[in-house]
């Protein structure tokens, strides 16, 4: 059984298994650059040549499932997820429906994202500019 509760719970999460998450389609994929984030990363000794945010969302399910994260690129063009985790309205659960918790969910979201092609194709020319659909 792949447990999916498509109703938002009182704590705001949509509960599903990792398998259910892996089968979702995220047609809405946005990325944008944020110079403030870039400066924050530089202060934290991360030599970001640019930085910004990504937001992916489903369209076929109600309520909408979204996953967001911060990213940065180095001068050589390599792009990484920025420190600080991901934000999502998903709580991953076991096959029996027990919550895995925020830490394990975040860890598994990172593993899921590592399989996806999410890096912005090219830097935007200005702060806050949407890089477009990925």
N, C-alpha and C. Protein backbone atom coordinates (compact mmCIF):
# COMPACT_ATOMS: atom_id res chain seq x y z
N UNK A 1 0.84 -1.18 0.00
CA UNK A 1 0.00 0.00 0.00
C UNK A 1 0.88 1.24 0.00
N UNK A 2 0.61 2.19 -0.87
CA UNK A 2 1.31 3.47 -0.87
C UNK A 2 0.39 4.46 -0.19
N UNK A 3 0.75 4.85 1.03
CA UNK A 3 -0.09 5.72 1.84
C UNK A 3 0.00 7.15 1.35
N UNK A 4 -1.12 7.73 0.98
CA UNK A 4 -1.17 9.14 0.59
C UNK A 4 -2.43 9.73 1.17
N UNK A 5 -2.27 10.76 1.99
CA UNK A 5 -3.42 11.48 2.54
C UNK A 5 -3.44 12.83 1.85
N UNK A 6 -4.34 13.00 0.90
CA UNK A 6 -4.33 14.22 0.10
C UNK A 6 -5.03 15.38 0.80
N UNK A 7 -5.50 15.16 2.02
CA UNK A 7 -6.07 16.26 2.79
C UNK A 7 -4.97 16.87 3.64
N UNK A 8 -5.01 18.16 3.75
CA UNK A 8 -4.05 18.84 4.61
C UNK A 8 -4.46 18.57 6.06
N UNK A 9 -3.50 18.12 6.88
CA UNK A 9 -3.79 17.82 8.27
C UNK A 9 -3.78 19.11 9.09
N UNK A 10 -4.12 19.00 10.35
CA UNK A 10 -4.15 20.17 11.22
C UNK A 10 -2.79 20.84 11.34
N UNK A 11 -1.71 20.07 11.17
CA UNK A 11 -0.37 20.66 11.24
C UNK A 11 0.11 21.19 9.90
N UNK A 12 -0.72 21.10 8.87
CA UNK A 12 -0.40 21.68 7.56
C UNK A 12 0.29 20.75 6.59
N UNK A 13 0.64 19.55 7.02
CA UNK A 13 1.36 18.63 6.15
C UNK A 13 0.41 17.74 5.34
N UNK A 14 0.89 17.35 4.17
CA UNK A 14 0.26 16.32 3.36
C UNK A 14 1.14 15.09 3.54
N UNK A 15 0.55 14.02 4.01
CA UNK A 15 1.33 12.82 4.34
C UNK A 15 1.31 11.84 3.18
N UNK A 16 2.52 11.30 2.88
CA UNK A 16 2.66 10.31 1.81
C UNK A 16 3.95 9.55 2.00
N UNK A 17 4.03 8.41 1.35
CA UNK A 17 5.26 7.62 1.38
C UNK A 17 6.26 8.21 0.40
N UNK A 18 7.51 7.79 0.54
CA UNK A 18 8.55 8.21 -0.40
C UNK A 18 8.21 7.73 -1.81
N UNK A 19 7.65 6.52 -1.93
CA UNK A 19 7.25 6.01 -3.24
C UNK A 19 6.20 6.92 -3.89
N UNK A 20 5.22 7.36 -3.10
CA UNK A 20 4.19 8.25 -3.64
C UNK A 20 4.81 9.57 -4.09
N UNK A 21 5.71 10.12 -3.30
CA UNK A 21 6.40 11.36 -3.68
C UNK A 21 7.16 11.16 -4.99
N UNK A 22 7.86 10.04 -5.10
CA UNK A 22 8.67 9.76 -6.29
C UNK A 22 7.83 9.65 -7.56
N UNK A 23 6.56 9.34 -7.41
CA UNK A 23 5.67 9.20 -8.58
C UNK A 23 4.93 10.48 -8.94
N UNK A 24 5.13 11.55 -8.17
CA UNK A 24 4.43 12.79 -8.47
C UNK A 24 5.05 13.49 -9.67
N UNK A 25 4.22 14.25 -10.37
CA UNK A 25 4.67 15.07 -11.48
C UNK A 25 4.66 16.53 -11.01
N UNK A 26 5.76 17.21 -11.21
CA UNK A 26 5.89 18.62 -10.82
C UNK A 26 6.02 19.48 -12.07
N UNK A 27 4.90 19.80 -12.74
CA UNK A 27 4.99 20.60 -13.96
C UNK A 27 5.34 22.06 -13.72
N UNK A 28 5.08 22.57 -12.54
CA UNK A 28 5.41 23.96 -12.22
C UNK A 28 6.76 23.98 -11.53
N UNK A 29 7.80 24.41 -12.27
CA UNK A 29 9.16 24.43 -11.75
C UNK A 29 9.75 25.81 -12.01
N UNK A 30 9.85 26.58 -10.94
CA UNK A 30 10.39 27.92 -11.07
C UNK A 30 11.72 28.06 -10.36
N UNK A 31 12.57 28.94 -10.87
CA UNK A 31 13.84 29.27 -10.23
C UNK A 31 14.05 30.77 -10.40
N UNK A 32 14.60 31.39 -9.37
CA UNK A 32 14.91 32.80 -9.48
C UNK A 32 16.15 33.11 -8.66
N UNK A 33 16.80 34.18 -9.04
CA UNK A 33 18.04 34.61 -8.42
C UNK A 33 17.73 35.60 -7.31
N UNK A 34 18.55 35.58 -6.24
CA UNK A 34 18.35 36.48 -5.11
C UNK A 34 19.73 36.94 -4.62
N UNK A 35 20.04 38.22 -4.86
CA UNK A 35 21.35 38.74 -4.47
C UNK A 35 21.52 38.80 -2.96
N UNK A 36 20.43 38.97 -2.22
CA UNK A 36 20.50 38.98 -0.76
C UNK A 36 20.96 37.63 -0.24
N UNK A 37 20.43 36.55 -0.79
CA UNK A 37 20.86 35.21 -0.41
C UNK A 37 22.33 35.02 -0.76
N UNK A 38 22.73 35.48 -1.94
CA UNK A 38 24.13 35.37 -2.34
C UNK A 38 25.04 36.06 -1.32
N UNK A 39 24.66 37.26 -0.90
CA UNK A 39 25.48 37.99 0.08
C UNK A 39 25.51 37.27 1.43
N UNK A 40 24.37 36.70 1.85
CA UNK A 40 24.33 35.92 3.10
C UNK A 40 25.27 34.73 3.04
N UNK A 41 25.30 34.05 1.90
CA UNK A 41 26.19 32.90 1.74
C UNK A 41 27.65 33.32 1.76
N UNK A 42 27.97 34.43 1.12
CA UNK A 42 29.34 34.93 1.12
C UNK A 42 29.79 35.26 2.54
N UNK A 43 28.90 35.88 3.34
CA UNK A 43 29.21 36.17 4.74
C UNK A 43 29.50 34.87 5.50
N UNK A 44 28.82 33.78 5.11
CA UNK A 44 29.03 32.47 5.74
C UNK A 44 30.19 31.69 5.10
N UNK A 45 31.06 32.39 4.36
CA UNK A 45 32.24 31.80 3.72
C UNK A 45 31.92 30.79 2.62
N UNK A 46 30.79 30.96 1.96
CA UNK A 46 30.45 30.15 0.79
C UNK A 46 30.61 31.07 -0.42
N UNK A 47 31.59 30.79 -1.30
CA UNK A 47 31.90 31.71 -2.41
C UNK A 47 30.88 31.62 -3.56
N UNK A 48 29.66 32.02 -3.28
CA UNK A 48 28.58 31.94 -4.26
C UNK A 48 28.74 33.03 -5.32
N UNK A 49 28.82 32.62 -6.58
CA UNK A 49 28.85 33.61 -7.66
C UNK A 49 27.44 34.07 -8.00
N UNK A 50 26.45 33.25 -7.69
CA UNK A 50 25.04 33.65 -7.76
C UNK A 50 24.27 32.67 -6.87
N UNK A 51 23.06 33.06 -6.50
CA UNK A 51 22.25 32.24 -5.61
C UNK A 51 20.79 32.57 -5.83
N UNK A 52 19.94 31.67 -5.38
CA UNK A 52 18.51 31.94 -5.53
C UNK A 52 17.69 30.81 -4.94
N UNK A 53 16.49 30.71 -5.45
CA UNK A 53 15.52 29.75 -4.92
C UNK A 53 14.86 28.97 -6.05
N UNK A 54 14.44 27.76 -5.77
CA UNK A 54 13.62 26.95 -6.66
C UNK A 54 12.33 26.60 -5.93
N UNK A 55 11.25 26.53 -6.66
CA UNK A 55 9.96 26.11 -6.12
C UNK A 55 9.31 25.20 -7.13
N UNK A 56 9.01 23.99 -6.73
CA UNK A 56 8.30 23.03 -7.57
C UNK A 56 6.94 22.77 -6.96
N UNK A 57 5.94 22.62 -7.81
CA UNK A 57 4.59 22.37 -7.31
C UNK A 57 3.84 21.43 -8.25
N UNK A 58 2.97 20.63 -7.66
CA UNK A 58 2.09 19.77 -8.45
C UNK A 58 0.91 20.61 -8.93
N UNK A 59 0.24 20.10 -9.93
CA UNK A 59 -0.97 20.77 -10.42
C UNK A 59 -2.16 19.83 -10.44
N UNK A 60 -1.90 18.51 -10.48
CA UNK A 60 -3.00 17.56 -10.63
C UNK A 60 -3.67 17.20 -9.32
N UNK A 61 -3.00 17.39 -8.20
CA UNK A 61 -3.57 16.99 -6.91
C UNK A 61 -4.04 18.20 -6.12
N UNK A 62 -5.09 18.01 -5.38
CA UNK A 62 -5.54 19.06 -4.46
C UNK A 62 -5.50 18.46 -3.07
N UNK A 63 -4.88 19.05 -2.11
CA UNK A 63 -4.19 20.34 -2.21
C UNK A 63 -2.85 20.21 -2.94
N UNK A 64 -2.37 21.32 -3.38
CA UNK A 64 -1.12 21.36 -4.14
C UNK A 64 0.05 21.00 -3.24
N UNK A 65 0.93 20.18 -3.75
CA UNK A 65 2.15 19.79 -3.04
C UNK A 65 3.28 20.65 -3.58
N UNK A 66 4.06 21.25 -2.66
CA UNK A 66 5.16 22.09 -3.10
C UNK A 66 6.43 21.75 -2.33
N UNK A 67 7.53 21.93 -3.03
CA UNK A 67 8.85 21.71 -2.46
C UNK A 67 9.72 22.88 -2.91
N UNK A 68 10.40 23.50 -1.97
CA UNK A 68 11.25 24.64 -2.29
C UNK A 68 12.61 24.50 -1.62
N UNK A 69 13.61 25.13 -2.21
CA UNK A 69 14.96 25.10 -1.65
C UNK A 69 15.76 26.28 -2.18
N UNK A 70 16.80 26.60 -1.44
CA UNK A 70 17.75 27.63 -1.87
C UNK A 70 18.91 26.94 -2.58
N UNK A 71 19.52 27.64 -3.53
CA UNK A 71 20.64 27.10 -4.28
C UNK A 71 21.71 28.17 -4.45
N UNK A 72 22.90 27.72 -4.79
CA UNK A 72 23.97 28.66 -5.15
C UNK A 72 24.86 28.02 -6.19
N UNK A 73 25.52 28.87 -6.97
CA UNK A 73 26.49 28.43 -7.97
C UNK A 73 27.85 29.00 -7.62
N UNK A 74 28.88 28.23 -7.94
CA UNK A 74 30.25 28.69 -7.80
C UNK A 74 30.69 29.31 -9.12
N UNK A 75 31.82 29.98 -9.10
CA UNK A 75 32.33 30.64 -10.31
C UNK A 75 32.57 29.64 -11.45
N UNK A 76 32.86 28.37 -11.12
CA UNK A 76 33.12 27.38 -12.16
C UNK A 76 31.83 26.79 -12.75
N UNK A 77 30.67 27.26 -12.28
CA UNK A 77 29.39 26.83 -12.84
C UNK A 77 28.70 25.71 -12.10
N UNK A 78 29.39 25.07 -11.15
CA UNK A 78 28.74 24.01 -10.37
C UNK A 78 27.66 24.62 -9.47
N UNK A 79 26.53 23.93 -9.37
CA UNK A 79 25.39 24.42 -8.59
C UNK A 79 25.04 23.42 -7.50
N UNK A 80 24.70 23.95 -6.31
CA UNK A 80 24.44 23.13 -5.14
C UNK A 80 23.19 23.62 -4.41
N UNK A 81 22.59 22.73 -3.64
CA UNK A 81 21.54 23.13 -2.71
C UNK A 81 22.23 23.88 -1.58
N UNK A 82 21.70 25.03 -1.23
CA UNK A 82 22.29 25.84 -0.16
C UNK A 82 22.02 25.21 1.20
N UNK A 83 22.90 25.47 2.16
CA UNK A 83 22.66 24.96 3.51
C UNK A 83 21.33 25.49 4.06
N UNK A 84 20.75 24.70 4.93
CA UNK A 84 19.52 25.17 5.57
C UNK A 84 18.31 24.33 5.26
N UNK A 85 18.47 23.35 4.42
CA UNK A 85 17.35 22.44 4.18
C UNK A 85 16.39 22.90 3.12
N UNK A 86 15.33 22.16 3.06
CA UNK A 86 14.29 22.39 2.07
C UNK A 86 13.00 22.72 2.81
N UNK A 87 12.09 23.35 2.11
CA UNK A 87 10.78 23.58 2.71
C UNK A 87 9.75 22.85 1.86
N UNK A 88 8.78 22.27 2.53
CA UNK A 88 7.76 21.51 1.83
C UNK A 88 6.55 21.35 2.73
N UNK A 89 5.42 21.10 2.10
CA UNK A 89 4.22 20.80 2.86
C UNK A 89 3.99 19.29 2.93
N UNK A 90 5.04 18.51 2.69
CA UNK A 90 4.98 17.05 2.72
C UNK A 90 5.60 16.52 4.00
N UNK A 91 4.95 15.56 4.62
CA UNK A 91 5.53 14.77 5.71
C UNK A 91 5.56 13.34 5.21
N UNK A 92 6.75 12.78 5.06
CA UNK A 92 6.86 11.41 4.61
C UNK A 92 6.49 10.46 5.74
N UNK A 93 5.86 9.36 5.36
CA UNK A 93 5.38 8.37 6.33
C UNK A 93 5.82 6.98 5.91
N UNK A 94 5.76 6.05 6.86
CA UNK A 94 6.04 4.65 6.56
C UNK A 94 4.87 4.06 5.79
N UNK A 95 5.04 2.85 5.29
CA UNK A 95 3.96 2.16 4.58
C UNK A 95 2.73 2.01 5.48
N UNK A 96 2.94 1.94 6.79
CA UNK A 96 1.83 1.79 7.74
C UNK A 96 1.20 3.14 8.11
N UNK A 97 1.79 4.25 7.62
CA UNK A 97 1.22 5.57 7.87
C UNK A 97 1.80 6.33 9.04
N UNK A 98 2.92 5.85 9.61
CA UNK A 98 3.54 6.56 10.73
C UNK A 98 4.50 7.63 10.20
N UNK A 99 4.43 8.83 10.80
CA UNK A 99 5.32 9.92 10.40
C UNK A 99 6.78 9.52 10.55
N UNK A 100 7.59 9.92 9.57
CA UNK A 100 9.04 9.72 9.66
C UNK A 100 9.71 10.88 10.41
N UNK A 101 9.01 11.98 10.56
CA UNK A 101 9.56 13.15 11.25
C UNK A 101 10.19 14.12 10.27
N UNK A 102 10.36 15.35 10.76
CA UNK A 102 10.88 16.42 9.89
C UNK A 102 12.32 16.16 9.44
N UNK A 103 13.18 15.67 10.34
CA UNK A 103 14.58 15.44 9.98
C UNK A 103 14.70 14.37 8.89
N UNK A 104 14.04 13.24 9.08
CA UNK A 104 14.12 12.15 8.10
C UNK A 104 13.44 12.56 6.79
N UNK A 105 12.32 13.29 6.88
CA UNK A 105 11.66 13.77 5.66
C UNK A 105 12.60 14.68 4.88
N UNK A 106 13.27 15.60 5.56
CA UNK A 106 14.21 16.50 4.90
C UNK A 106 15.36 15.72 4.26
N UNK A 107 15.86 14.72 4.96
CA UNK A 107 16.94 13.89 4.43
C UNK A 107 16.49 13.16 3.15
N UNK A 108 15.28 12.61 3.19
CA UNK A 108 14.78 11.90 2.01
C UNK A 108 14.42 12.85 0.87
N UNK A 109 13.97 14.06 1.19
CA UNK A 109 13.72 15.05 0.13
C UNK A 109 15.03 15.40 -0.57
N UNK A 110 16.11 15.52 0.19
CA UNK A 110 17.43 15.77 -0.43
C UNK A 110 17.83 14.61 -1.34
N UNK A 111 17.60 13.37 -0.89
CA UNK A 111 17.92 12.20 -1.71
C UNK A 111 17.08 12.20 -2.98
N UNK A 112 15.80 12.53 -2.87
CA UNK A 112 14.91 12.60 -4.03
C UNK A 112 15.40 13.67 -5.00
N UNK A 113 15.75 14.84 -4.48
CA UNK A 113 16.19 15.94 -5.33
C UNK A 113 17.49 15.61 -6.05
N UNK A 114 18.35 14.82 -5.42
CA UNK A 114 19.62 14.43 -6.04
C UNK A 114 19.40 13.64 -7.33
N UNK A 115 18.25 13.00 -7.47
CA UNK A 115 17.94 12.22 -8.68
C UNK A 115 17.32 13.10 -9.77
N UNK A 116 16.91 14.29 -9.41
CA UNK A 116 16.21 15.17 -10.34
C UNK A 116 17.16 16.17 -10.99
N UNK A 117 16.79 16.63 -12.17
CA UNK A 117 17.54 17.69 -12.84
C UNK A 117 16.87 19.01 -12.46
N UNK A 118 17.51 19.76 -11.57
CA UNK A 118 16.87 20.97 -11.06
C UNK A 118 17.70 22.24 -11.24
N UNK A 119 18.97 22.12 -11.60
CA UNK A 119 19.84 23.28 -11.66
C UNK A 119 19.35 24.29 -12.70
N UNK A 120 19.32 25.57 -12.32
CA UNK A 120 18.96 26.60 -13.30
C UNK A 120 19.88 26.53 -14.51
N UNK A 121 19.31 26.67 -15.69
CA UNK A 121 20.07 26.51 -16.93
C UNK A 121 21.10 27.62 -17.12
N UNK A 122 20.74 28.83 -16.73
CA UNK A 122 21.67 29.95 -16.89
C UNK A 122 21.36 31.01 -15.87
N UNK A 123 22.36 31.76 -15.45
CA UNK A 123 22.11 32.81 -14.47
C UNK A 123 21.20 33.89 -15.04
N UNK A 124 20.38 34.46 -14.19
CA UNK A 124 19.55 35.59 -14.60
C UNK A 124 20.39 36.84 -14.62
N UNK A 125 19.92 37.86 -15.30
CA UNK A 125 20.72 39.07 -15.43
C UNK A 125 20.49 40.05 -14.30
N UNK A 126 19.50 39.84 -13.46
CA UNK A 126 19.25 40.80 -12.39
C UNK A 126 18.63 40.15 -11.17
N UNK A 127 18.74 40.85 -10.05
CA UNK A 127 18.22 40.33 -8.79
C UNK A 127 16.72 40.12 -8.89
N UNK A 128 16.28 39.01 -8.36
CA UNK A 128 14.86 38.72 -8.32
C UNK A 128 14.26 38.28 -9.63
N UNK A 129 15.04 38.26 -10.69
CA UNK A 129 14.52 37.88 -11.99
C UNK A 129 14.22 36.38 -12.00
N UNK A 130 13.05 36.04 -12.46
CA UNK A 130 12.69 34.63 -12.58
C UNK A 130 13.48 34.03 -13.72
N UNK A 131 14.16 32.93 -13.44
CA UNK A 131 14.93 32.24 -14.47
C UNK A 131 14.04 31.43 -15.36
N UNK A 132 12.81 31.24 -14.93
CA UNK A 132 11.84 30.54 -15.77
C UNK A 132 11.57 29.14 -15.30
N UNK A 133 10.80 28.45 -16.11
CA UNK A 133 10.47 27.07 -15.82
C UNK A 133 11.67 26.21 -16.14
N UNK A 134 11.98 25.29 -15.26
CA UNK A 134 13.14 24.41 -15.45
C UNK A 134 12.77 23.22 -16.29
